[in-house]
PDB file of N, CA and C in Angstrom:
ATOM      1  N   MET A   1     -15.964  -5.218   8.564  1.00  0.00           N
ATOM      2  CA  MET A   1     -14.597  -5.103   8.071  1.00  0.00           C
ATOM      3  C   MET A   1     -14.413  -6.041   6.881  1.00  0.00           C
ATOM      4  N   GLU A   2     -13.658  -5.563   5.937  1.00  0.00           N
ATOM      5  CA  GLU A   2     -13.299  -6.391   4.783  1.00  0.00           C
ATOM      6  C   GLU A   2     -11.779  -6.483   4.734  1.00  0.00           C
ATOM      7  N   HIS A   3     -11.283  -7.695   4.477  1.00  0.00           N
ATOM      8  CA  HIS A   3      -9.846  -7.951   4.396  1.00  0.00           C
ATOM      9  C   HIS A   3      -9.527  -8.339   2.958  1.00  0.00           C
ATOM     10  N   LEU A   4      -8.589  -7.599   2.352  1.00  0.00           N
ATOM     11  CA  LEU A   4      -8.213  -7.836   0.961  1.00  0.00           C
ATOM     12  C   LEU A   4      -6.709  -8.019   0.865  1.00  0.00           C
ATOM     13  N   GLU A   5      -6.272  -8.855  -0.066  1.00  0.00           N
ATOM     14  CA  GLU A   5      -4.850  -9.035  -0.314  1.00  0.00           C
ATOM     15  C   GLU A   5      -4.610  -9.116  -1.817  1.00  0.00           C
ATOM     16  N   TYR A   6      -3.574  -8.395  -2.275  1.00  0.00           N
ATOM     17  CA  TYR A   6      -3.192  -8.390  -3.683  1.00  0.00           C
ATOM     18  C   TYR A   6      -1.680  -8.520  -3.767  1.00  0.00           C
ATOM     19  N   GLU A   7      -1.213  -9.114  -4.841  1.00  0.00           N
ATOM     20  CA  GLU A   7       0.227  -9.281  -5.032  1.00  0.00           C
ATOM     21  C   GLU A   7       0.574  -8.989  -6.486  1.00  0.00           C
ATOM     22  N   PHE A   8       1.710  -8.296  -6.687  1.00  0.00           N
ATOM     23  CA  PHE A   8       2.161  -7.896  -8.015  1.00  0.00           C
ATOM     24  C   PHE A   8       3.648  -8.210  -8.155  1.00  0.00           C
ATOM     25  N   GLY A   9       4.096  -8.262  -9.388  1.00  0.00           N
ATOM     26  CA  GLY A   9       5.519  -8.487  -9.633  1.00  0.00           C
ATOM     27  C   GLY A   9       5.772  -9.881 -10.164  1.00  0.00           C
ATOM     28  N   PRO A  10       7.012 -10.284 -10.139  1.00  0.00           N
ATOM     29  CA  PRO A  10       8.129  -9.710  -9.391  1.00  0.00           C
ATOM     30  C   PRO A  10       8.692  -8.459 -10.066  1.00  0.00           C
ATOM     31  N   PHE A  11       9.253  -7.604  -9.202  1.00  0.00           N
ATOM     32  CA  PHE A  11       9.913  -6.370  -9.606  1.00  0.00           C
ATOM     33  C   PHE A  11      11.311  -6.345  -9.012  1.00  0.00           C
ATOM     34  N   GLU A  12      12.086  -5.344  -9.429  1.00  0.00           N
ATOM     35  CA  GLU A  12      13.405  -5.117  -8.846  1.00  0.00           C
ATOM     36  C   GLU A  12      13.222  -4.810  -7.360  1.00  0.00           C
ATOM     37  N   PRO A  13      13.948  -5.502  -6.482  1.00  0.00           N
ATOM     38  CA  PRO A  13      13.774  -5.273  -5.039  1.00  0.00           C
ATOM     39  C   PRO A  13      14.245  -3.890  -4.604  1.00  0.00           C
ATOM     40  N   LEU A  14      13.706  -3.453  -3.487  1.00  0.00           N
ATOM     41  CA  LEU A  14      14.186  -2.227  -2.852  1.00  0.00           C
ATOM     42  C   LEU A  14      15.661  -2.363  -2.522  1.00  0.00           C
ATOM     43  N   PRO A  15      16.394  -1.263  -2.503  1.00  0.00           N
ATOM     44  CA  PRO A  15      17.780  -1.335  -2.035  1.00  0.00           C
ATOM     45  C   PRO A  15      17.807  -1.797  -0.578  1.00  0.00           C
ATOM     46  N   PRO A  16      18.834  -2.534  -0.174  1.00  0.00           N
ATOM     47  CA  PRO A  16      18.889  -3.020   1.205  1.00  0.00           C
ATOM     48  C   PRO A  16      19.003  -1.870   2.206  1.00  0.00           C
ATOM     49  N   GLY A  17      18.537  -2.133   3.419  1.00  0.00           N
ATOM     50  CA  GLY A  17      18.673  -1.173   4.508  1.00  0.00           C
ATOM     51  C   GLY A  17      17.569  -0.134   4.593  1.00  0.00           C
ATOM     52  N   GLN A  18      16.512  -0.293   3.824  1.00  0.00           N
ATOM     53  CA  GLN A  18      15.414   0.662   3.884  1.00  0.00           C
ATOM     54  C   GLN A  18      14.641   0.491   5.186  1.00  0.00           C
ATOM     55  N   ALA A  19      14.269   1.597   5.807  1.00  0.00           N
ATOM     56  CA  ALA A  19      13.443   1.573   7.006  1.00  0.00           C
ATOM     57  C   ALA A  19      11.973   1.628   6.590  1.00  0.00           C
ATOM     58  N   PRO A  20      11.071   1.087   7.401  1.00  0.00           N
ATOM     59  CA  PRO A  20       9.640   1.194   7.090  1.00  0.00           C
ATOM     60  C   PRO A  20       9.191   2.659   7.055  1.00  0.00           C
ATOM     61  N   ALA A  21       8.086   2.909   6.375  1.00  0.00           N
ATOM     62  CA  ALA A  21       7.527   4.259   6.280  1.00  0.00           C
ATOM     63  C   ALA A  21       6.034   4.199   6.550  1.00  0.00           C
ATOM     64  N   LEU A  22       5.540   5.193   7.294  1.00  0.00           N
ATOM     65  CA  LEU A  22       4.125   5.272   7.659  1.00  0.00           C
ATOM     66  C   LEU A  22       3.583   6.629   7.250  1.00  0.00           C
ATOM     67  N   ALA A  23       2.381   6.630   6.661  1.00  0.00           N
ATOM     68  CA  ALA A  23       1.712   7.879   6.306  1.00  0.00           C
ATOM     69  C   ALA A  23       0.245   7.772   6.693  1.00  0.00           C
ATOM     70  N   GLY A  24      -0.295   8.863   7.228  1.00  0.00           N
ATOM     71  CA  GLY A  24      -1.708   8.930   7.561  1.00  0.00           C
ATOM     72  C   GLY A  24      -2.020   8.396   8.940  1.00  0.00           C
ATOM     73  N   VAL A  25      -3.288   8.539   9.298  1.00  0.00           N
ATOM     74  CA  VAL A  25      -3.813   8.038  10.567  1.00  0.00           C
ATOM     75  C   VAL A  25      -5.170   7.406  10.301  1.00  0.00           C
ATOM     76  N   VAL A  26      -5.514   6.430  11.107  1.00  0.00           N
ATOM     77  CA  VAL A  26      -6.825   5.806  10.952  1.00  0.00           C
ATOM     78  C   VAL A  26      -7.837   6.674  11.693  1.00  0.00           C
ATOM     79  N   SER A  27      -8.705   7.311  10.928  1.00  0.00           N
ATOM     80  CA  SER A  27      -9.800   8.101  11.487  1.00  0.00           C
ATOM     81  C   SER A  27     -10.881   8.181  10.420  1.00  0.00           C
ATOM     82  N   SER A  28     -12.007   8.703  10.776  1.00  0.00           N
ATOM     83  CA  SER A  28     -13.117   8.777   9.838  1.00  0.00           C
ATOM     84  C   SER A  28     -12.699   9.464   8.544  1.00  0.00           C
ATOM     85  N   GLY A  29     -12.879   8.783   7.425  1.00  0.00           N
ATOM     86  CA  GLY A  29     -12.559   9.335   6.125  1.00  0.00           C
ATOM     87  C   GLY A  29     -11.076   9.365   5.810  1.00  0.00           C
ATOM     88  N   ASN A  30     -10.265   8.660   6.575  1.00  0.00           N
ATOM     89  CA  ASN A  30      -8.827   8.669   6.358  1.00  0.00           C
ATOM     90  C   ASN A  30      -8.311   7.239   6.423  1.00  0.00           C
ATOM     91  N   MET A  31      -6.999   7.089   6.395  1.00  0.00           N
ATOM     92  CA  MET A  31      -6.386   5.764   6.429  1.00  0.00           C
ATOM     93  C   MET A  31      -4.910   5.905   6.753  1.00  0.00           C
ATOM     94  N   GLU A  32      -4.297   4.791   7.108  1.00  0.00           N
ATOM     95  CA  GLU A  32      -2.848   4.771   7.265  1.00  0.00           C
ATOM     96  C   GLU A  32      -2.279   3.733   6.319  1.00  0.00           C
ATOM     97  N   ALA A  33      -1.092   4.044   5.820  1.00  0.00           N
ATOM     98  CA  ALA A  33      -0.372   3.122   4.942  1.00  0.00           C
ATOM     99  C   ALA A  33       1.012   2.903   5.525  1.00  0.00           C
ATOM    100  N   LEU A  34       1.348   1.653   5.749  1.00  0.00           N
ATOM    101  CA  LEU A  34       2.663   1.269   6.249  1.00  0.00           C
ATOM    102  C   LEU A  34       3.367   0.495   5.149  1.00  0.00           C
ATOM    103  N   LEU A  35       4.534   0.967   4.742  1.00  0.00           N
ATOM    104  CA  LEU A  35       5.339   0.300   3.728  1.00  0.00           C
ATOM    105  C   LEU A  35       6.558  -0.286   4.409  1.00  0.00           C
ATOM    106  N   GLU A  36       6.715  -1.610   4.307  1.00  0.00           N
ATOM    107  CA  GLU A  36       7.807  -2.309   4.986  1.00  0.00           C
ATOM    108  C   GLU A  36       8.594  -3.169   4.006  1.00  0.00           C
ATOM    109  N   PRO A  37       9.894  -2.990   3.959  1.00  0.00           N
ATOM    110  CA  PRO A  37      10.712  -3.915   3.183  1.00  0.00           C
ATOM    111  C   PRO A  37      10.607  -5.325   3.784  1.00  0.00           C
ATOM    112  N   LYS A  38      10.343  -6.312   2.945  1.00  0.00           N
ATOM    113  CA  LYS A  38      10.215  -7.706   3.371  1.00  0.00           C
ATOM    114  C   LYS A  38      10.768  -8.611   2.278  1.00  0.00           C
ATOM    115  N   ALA A  39      11.262  -9.756   2.664  1.00  0.00           N
ATOM    116  CA  ALA A  39      11.717 -10.753   1.695  1.00  0.00           C
ATOM    117  C   ALA A  39      10.483 -11.422   1.079  1.00  0.00           C
ATOM    118  N   LEU A  40      10.098 -10.963  -0.110  1.00  0.00           N
ATOM    119  CA  LEU A  40       8.890 -11.466  -0.775  1.00  0.00           C
ATOM    120  C   LEU A  40       9.190 -11.951  -2.190  1.00  0.00           C
ATOM    121  N   ASP A  41      10.420 -12.409  -2.429  1.00  0.00           N
ATOM    122  CA  ASP A  41      10.811 -12.910  -3.748  1.00  0.00           C
ATOM    123  C   ASP A  41      10.532 -11.897  -4.852  1.00  0.00           C
ATOM    124  N   GLY A  42      10.778 -10.623  -4.566  1.00  0.00           N
ATOM    125  CA  GLY A  42      10.590  -9.580  -5.556  1.00  0.00           C
ATOM    126  C   GLY A  42       9.151  -9.134  -5.737  1.00  0.00           C
ATOM    127  N   ARG A  43       8.268  -9.599  -4.897  1.00  0.00           N
ATOM    128  CA  ARG A  43       6.843  -9.255  -5.017  1.00  0.00           C
ATOM    129  C   ARG A  43       6.514  -7.983  -4.242  1.00  0.00           C
ATOM    130  N   LEU A  44       5.443  -7.340  -4.663  1.00  0.00           N
ATOM    131  CA  LEU A  44       4.834  -6.218  -3.965  1.00  0.00           C
ATOM    132  C   LEU A  44       3.489  -6.728  -3.452  1.00  0.00           C
ATOM    133  N   ARG A  45       3.319  -6.768  -2.149  1.00  0.00           N
ATOM    134  CA  ARG A  45       2.102  -7.340  -1.557  1.00  0.00           C
ATOM    135  C   ARG A  45       1.321  -6.260  -0.817  1.00  0.00           C
ATOM    136  N   PHE A  46       0.031  -6.194  -1.077  1.00  0.00           N
ATOM    137  CA  PHE A  46      -0.889  -5.310  -0.368  1.00  0.00           C
ATOM    138  C   PHE A  46      -1.738  -6.149   0.580  1.00  0.00           C
ATOM    139  N   VAL A  47      -1.869  -5.681   1.813  1.00  0.00           N
ATOM    140  CA  VAL A  47      -2.789  -6.256   2.795  1.00  0.00           C
ATOM    141  C   VAL A  47      -3.649  -5.093   3.270  1.00  0.00           C
ATOM    142  N   ILE A  48      -4.940  -5.168   2.984  1.00  0.00           N
ATOM    143  CA  ILE A  48      -5.844  -4.042   3.225  1.00  0.00           C
ATOM    144  C   ILE A  48      -6.971  -4.487   4.150  1.00  0.00           C
ATOM    145  N   ASP A  49      -7.169  -3.720   5.211  1.00  0.00           N
ATOM    146  CA  ASP A  49      -8.330  -3.894   6.083  1.00  0.00           C
ATOM    147  C   ASP A  49      -9.126  -2.601   6.011  1.00  0.00           C
ATOM    148  N   THR A  50     -10.377  -2.720   5.593  1.00  0.00           N
ATOM    149  CA  THR A  50     -11.213  -1.544   5.400  1.00  0.00           C
ATOM    150  C   THR A  50     -12.548  -1.699   6.107  1.00  0.00           C
ATOM    151  N   SER A  51     -13.045  -0.586   6.621  1.00  0.00           N
ATOM    152  CA  SER A  51     -14.337  -0.603   7.314  1.00  0.00           C
ATOM    153  C   SER A  51     -15.499  -0.527   6.332  1.00  0.00           C
ATOM    154  N   ILE A  52     -15.218  -0.238   5.076  1.00  0.00           N
ATOM    155  CA  ILE A  52     -16.260  -0.104   4.055  1.00  0.00           C
ATOM    156  C   ILE A  52     -16.214  -1.327   3.139  1.00  0.00           C
ATOM    157  N   GLU A  53     -17.284  -2.080   3.116  1.00  0.00           N
ATOM    158  CA  GLU A  53     -17.328  -3.278   2.277  1.00  0.00           C
ATOM    159  C   GLU A  53     -17.865  -2.953   0.883  1.00  0.00           C
ATOM    160  N   GLY A  54     -17.479  -3.794  -0.095  1.00  0.00           N
ATOM    161  CA  GLY A  54     -18.042  -3.690  -1.433  1.00  0.00           C
ATOM    162  C   GLY A  54     -17.212  -2.908  -2.425  1.00  0.00           C
ATOM    163  N   TYR A  55     -15.975  -2.554  -2.078  1.00  0.00           N
ATOM    164  CA  TYR A  55     -15.135  -1.776  -2.984  1.00  0.00           C
ATOM    165  C   TYR A  55     -13.902  -2.556  -3.431  1.00  0.00           C
ATOM    166  N   THR A  56     -14.048  -3.856  -3.550  1.00  0.00           N
ATOM    167  CA  THR A  56     -12.928  -4.713  -3.939  1.00  0.00           C
ATOM    168  C   THR A  56     -12.310  -4.274  -5.264  1.00  0.00           C
ATOM    169  N   ASP A  57     -13.134  -3.984  -6.260  1.00  0.00           N
ATOM    170  CA  ASP A  57     -12.615  -3.579  -7.577  1.00  0.00           C
ATOM    171  C   ASP A  57     -11.837  -2.263  -7.489  1.00  0.00           C
ATOM    172  N   THR A  58     -12.331  -1.343  -6.687  1.00  0.00           N
ATOM    173  CA  THR A  58     -11.655  -0.055  -6.524  1.00  0.00           C
ATOM    174  C   THR A  58     -10.307  -0.246  -5.849  1.00  0.00           C
ATOM    175  N   TRP A  59     -10.276  -1.032  -4.778  1.00  0.00           N
ATOM    176  CA  TRP A  59      -9.012  -1.296  -4.090  1.00  0.00           C
ATOM    177  C   TRP A  59      -8.014  -1.979  -5.011  1.00  0.00           C
ATOM    178  N   GLN A  60      -8.490  -2.945  -5.781  1.00  0.00           N
ATOM    179  CA  GLN A  60      -7.590  -3.643  -6.697  1.00  0.00           C
ATOM    180  C   GLN A  60      -7.020  -2.680  -7.734  1.00  0.00           C
ATOM    181  N   ALA A  61      -7.844  -1.768  -8.243  1.00  0.00           N
ATOM    182  CA  ALA A  61      -7.376  -0.798  -9.231  1.00  0.00           C
ATOM    183  C   ALA A  61      -6.344   0.155  -8.630  1.00  0.00           C
ATOM    184  N   VAL A  62      -6.577   0.624  -7.404  1.00  0.00           N
ATOM    185  CA  VAL A  62      -5.629   1.533  -6.750  1.00  0.00           C
ATOM    186  C   VAL A  62      -4.301   0.814  -6.492  1.00  0.00           C
ATOM    187  N   ALA A  63      -4.368  -0.429  -6.012  1.00  0.00           N
ATOM    188  CA  ALA A  63      -3.152  -1.203  -5.756  1.00  0.00           C
ATOM    189  C   ALA A  63      -2.396  -1.479  -7.057  1.00  0.00           C
ATOM    190  N   ALA A  64      -3.111  -1.847  -8.099  1.00  0.00           N
ATOM    191  CA  ALA A  64      -2.470  -2.125  -9.392  1.00  0.00           C
ATOM    192  C   ALA A  64      -1.829  -0.865  -9.967  1.00  0.00           C
ATOM    193  N   ASN A  65      -2.484   0.278  -9.795  1.00  0.00           N
ATOM    194  CA  ASN A  65      -1.924   1.542 -10.272  1.00  0.00           C
ATOM    195  C   ASN A  65      -0.634   1.865  -9.532  1.00  0.00           C
ATOM    196  N   PHE A  66      -0.613   1.681  -8.215  1.00  0.00           N
ATOM    197  CA  PHE A  66       0.592   1.911  -7.418  1.00  0.00           C
ATOM    198  C   PHE A  66       1.715   0.981  -7.885  1.00  0.00           C
ATOM    199  N   ALA A  67       1.387  -0.286  -8.084  1.00  0.00           N
ATOM    200  CA  ALA A  67       2.390  -1.262  -8.527  1.00  0.00           C
ATOM    201  C   ALA A  67       2.959  -0.882  -9.893  1.00  0.00           C
ATOM    202  N   ALA A  68       2.102  -0.453 -10.811  1.00  0.00           N
ATOM    203  CA  ALA A  68       2.552  -0.083 -12.151  1.00  0.00           C
ATOM    204  C   ALA A  68       3.432   1.167 -12.127  1.00  0.00           C
ATOM    205  N   ARG A  69       3.110   2.116 -11.260  1.00  0.00           N
ATOM    206  CA  ARG A  69       3.894   3.348 -11.181  1.00  0.00           C
ATOM    207  C   ARG A  69       5.235   3.152 -10.506  1.00  0.00           C
ATOM    208  N   HIS A  70       5.271   2.333  -9.458  1.00  0.00           N
ATOM    209  CA  HIS A  70       6.493   2.236  -8.654  1.00  0.00           C
ATOM    210  C   HIS A  70       7.332   1.001  -8.957  1.00  0.00           C
ATOM    211  N   ARG A  71       6.714  -0.086  -9.393  1.00  0.00           N
ATOM    212  CA  ARG A  71       7.430  -1.299  -9.806  1.00  0.00           C
ATOM    213  C   ARG A  71       8.565  -1.660  -8.854  1.00  0.00           C
ATOM    214  N   VAL A  72       8.245  -1.789  -7.578  1.00  0.00           N
ATOM    215  CA  VAL A  72       9.236  -2.098  -6.553  1.00  0.00           C
ATOM    216  C   VAL A  72       8.878  -3.428  -5.894  1.00  0.00           C
ATOM    217  N   GLY A  73       9.901  -4.263  -5.729  1.00  0.00           N
ATOM    218  CA  GLY A  73       9.688  -5.575  -5.133  1.00  0.00           C
ATOM    219  C   GLY A  73      10.155  -5.637  -3.689  1.00  0.00           C
ATOM    220  N   ASN A  74       9.817  -6.733  -3.044  1.00  0.00           N
ATOM    221  CA  ASN A  74      10.158  -6.967  -1.633  1.00  0.00           C
ATOM    222  C   ASN A  74       9.587  -5.864  -0.751  1.00  0.00           C
ATOM    223  N   LEU A  75       8.320  -5.545  -1.008  1.00  0.00           N
ATOM    224  CA  LEU A  75       7.654  -4.496  -0.249  1.00  0.00           C
ATOM    225  C   LEU A  75       6.275  -4.969   0.179  1.00  0.00           C
ATOM    226  N   LEU A  76       6.015  -4.850   1.470  1.00  0.00           N
ATOM    227  CA  LEU A  76       4.698  -5.143   2.034  1.00  0.00           C
ATOM    228  C   LEU A  76       4.013  -3.819   2.321  1.00  0.00           C
ATOM    229  N   VAL A  77       2.840  -3.628   1.730  1.00  0.00           N
ATOM    230  CA  VAL A  77       2.037  -2.428   1.951  1.00  0.00           C
ATOM    231  C   VAL A  77       0.826  -2.839   2.781  1.00  0.00           C
ATOM    232  N   THR A  78       0.760  -2.315   3.995  1.00  0.00           N
ATOM    233  CA  THR A  78      -0.367  -2.598   4.883  1.00  0.00           C
ATOM    234  C   THR A  78      -1.212  -1.342   4.987  1.00  0.00           C
ATOM    235  N   VAL A  79      -2.501  -1.480   4.669  1.00  0.00           N
ATOM    236  CA  VAL A  79      -3.421  -0.347   4.697  1.00  0.00           C
ATOM    237  C   VAL A  79      -4.508  -0.637   5.724  1.00  0.00           C
ATOM    238  N   ASN A  80      -4.710   0.317   6.626  1.00  0.00           N
ATOM    239  CA  ASN A  80      -5.827   0.297   7.564  1.00  0.00           C
ATOM    240  C   ASN A  80      -6.712   1.480   7.203  1.00  0.00           C
ATOM    241  N   ASP A  81      -7.913   1.184   6.703  1.00  0.00           N
ATOM    242  CA  ASP A  81      -8.772   2.201   6.110  1.00  0.00           C
ATOM    243  C   ASP A  81     -10.016   2.438   6.945  1.00  0.00           C
ATOM    244  N   ALA A  82     -10.387   3.714   7.052  1.00  0.00           N
ATOM    245  CA  ALA A  82     -11.620   4.093   7.744  1.00  0.00           C
ATOM    246  C   ALA A  82     -12.503   4.911   6.803  1.00  0.00           C
ATOM    247  N   GLY A  83     -12.571   4.498   5.547  1.00  0.00           N
ATOM    248  CA  GLY A  83     -13.465   5.133   4.591  1.00  0.00           C
ATOM    249  C   GLY A  83     -12.825   6.180   3.712  1.00  0.00           C
ATOM    250  N   ALA A  84     -11.528   6.087   3.474  1.00  0.00           N
ATOM    251  CA  ALA A  84     -10.840   7.059   2.617  1.00  0.00           C
ATOM    252  C   ALA A  84     -11.294   6.921   1.171  1.00  0.00           C
ATOM    253  N   THR A  85     -11.330   8.053   0.477  1.00  0.00           N
ATOM    254  CA  THR A  85     -11.644   8.039  -0.949  1.00  0.00           C
ATOM    255  C   THR A  85     -10.418   7.562  -1.724  1.00  0.00           C
ATOM    256  N   PRO A  86     -10.593   7.111  -2.962  1.00  0.00           N
ATOM    257  CA  PRO A  86      -9.427   6.677  -3.743  1.00  0.00           C
ATOM    258  C   PRO A  86      -8.335   7.736  -3.860  1.00  0.00           C
ATOM    259  N   SER A  87      -8.705   9.008  -3.939  1.00  0.00           N
ATOM    260  CA  SER A  87      -7.678  10.054  -4.028  1.00  0.00           C
ATOM    261  C   SER A  87      -6.879  10.164  -2.736  1.00  0.00           C
ATOM    262  N   VAL A  88      -7.521   9.985  -1.590  1.00  0.00           N
ATOM    263  CA  VAL A  88      -6.804  10.001  -0.309  1.00  0.00           C
ATOM    264  C   VAL A  88      -5.903   8.771  -0.210  1.00  0.00           C
ATOM    265  N   VAL A  89      -6.387   7.632  -0.666  1.00  0.00           N
ATOM    266  CA  VAL A  89      -5.573   6.421  -0.664  1.00  0.00           C
ATOM    267  C   VAL A  89      -4.314   6.642  -1.500  1.00  0.00           C
ATOM    268  N   ALA A  90      -4.474   7.161  -2.706  1.00  0.00           N
ATOM    269  CA  ALA A  90      -3.327   7.418  -3.578  1.00  0.00           C
ATOM    270  C   ALA A  90      -2.358   8.402  -2.929  1.00  0.00           C
ATOM    271  N   LEU A  91      -2.889   9.438  -2.274  1.00  0.00           N
ATOM    272  CA  LEU A  91      -2.047  10.423  -1.604  1.00  0.00           C
ATOM    273  C   LEU A  91      -1.243   9.779  -0.472  1.00  0.00           C
ATOM    274  N   ARG A  92      -1.886   8.998   0.375  1.00  0.00           N
ATOM    275  CA  ARG A  92      -1.194   8.359   1.499  1.00  0.00           C
ATOM    276  C   ARG A  92      -0.124   7.380   1.003  1.00  0.00           C
ATOM    277  N   LEU A  93      -0.441   6.623  -0.038  1.00  0.00           N
ATOM    278  CA  LEU A  93       0.551   5.697  -0.588  1.00  0.00           C
ATOM    279  C   LEU A  93       1.747   6.462  -1.160  1.00  0.00           C
ATOM    280  N   ALA A  94       1.485   7.560  -1.845  1.00  0.00           N
ATOM    281  CA  ALA A  94       2.571   8.374  -2.405  1.00  0.00           C
ATOM    282  C   ALA A  94       3.415   8.984  -1.293  1.00  0.00           C
ATOM    283  N   GLN A  95       2.769   9.465  -0.226  1.00  0.00           N
ATOM    284  CA  GLN A  95       3.509  10.022   0.904  1.00  0.00           C
ATOM    285  C   GLN A  95       4.413   8.987   1.543  1.00  0.00           C
ATOM    286  N   ALA A  96       3.877   7.795   1.766  1.00  0.00           N
ATOM    287  CA  ALA A  96       4.681   6.735   2.378  1.00  0.00           C
ATOM    288  C   ALA A  96       5.835   6.320   1.473  1.00  0.00           C
ATOM    289  N   MET A  97       5.581   6.248   0.165  1.00  0.00           N
ATOM    290  CA  MET A  97       6.636   5.877  -0.770  1.00  0.00           C
ATOM    291  C   MET A  97       7.739   6.925  -0.804  1.00  0.00           C
ATOM    292  N   GLU A  98       7.348   8.183  -0.764  1.00  0.00           N
ATOM    293  CA  GLU A  98       8.339   9.267  -0.741  1.00  0.00           C
ATOM    294  C   GLU A  98       9.201   9.184   0.523  1.00  0.00           C
ATOM    295  N   GLU A  99       8.559   8.912   1.652  1.00  0.00           N
ATOM    296  CA  GLU A  99       9.311   8.766   2.895  1.00  0.00           C
ATOM    297  C   GLU A  99      10.233   7.549   2.842  1.00  0.00           C
ATOM    298  N   LEU A 100       9.736   6.459   2.283  1.00  0.00           N
ATOM    299  CA  LEU A 100      10.531   5.239   2.183  1.00  0.00           C
ATOM    300  C   LEU A 100      11.785   5.472   1.346  1.00  0.00           C
ATOM    301  N   ARG A 101      11.643   6.172   0.257  1.00  0.00           N
ATOM    302  CA  ARG A 101      12.771   6.402  -0.652  1.00  0.00           C
ATOM    303  C   ARG A 101      13.668   7.557  -0.215  1.00  0.00           C
ATOM    304  N   GLY A 102      13.192   8.325   0.785  1.00  0.00           N
ATOM    305  CA  GLY A 102      14.007   9.412   1.332  1.00  0.00           C
ATOM    306  C   GLY A 102      14.016  10.586   0.443  1.00  0.00           C
TER     307      GLY A 102
END
């Protein structure tokens, strides 16, 4: 297992009263993404646990791309990965963000 953490921002915080959002399931070749509003001084924080080691640069690029596209603060993104490809990661993050924003 590899544990990674990235932080971006500060950005404009999420509107108050947002409920957490979950997308995906942890299974072979898939992942889950949980997006939770948190008091993070306007920061967007990623906490990633992955079963595949050696892809730190890829994870950082995917997280940075998400941060650049959404620019949302006070958000904790927790990813539990079981070998998802970058396109699946982007899809799960987009699904969770869509659910979060309603």
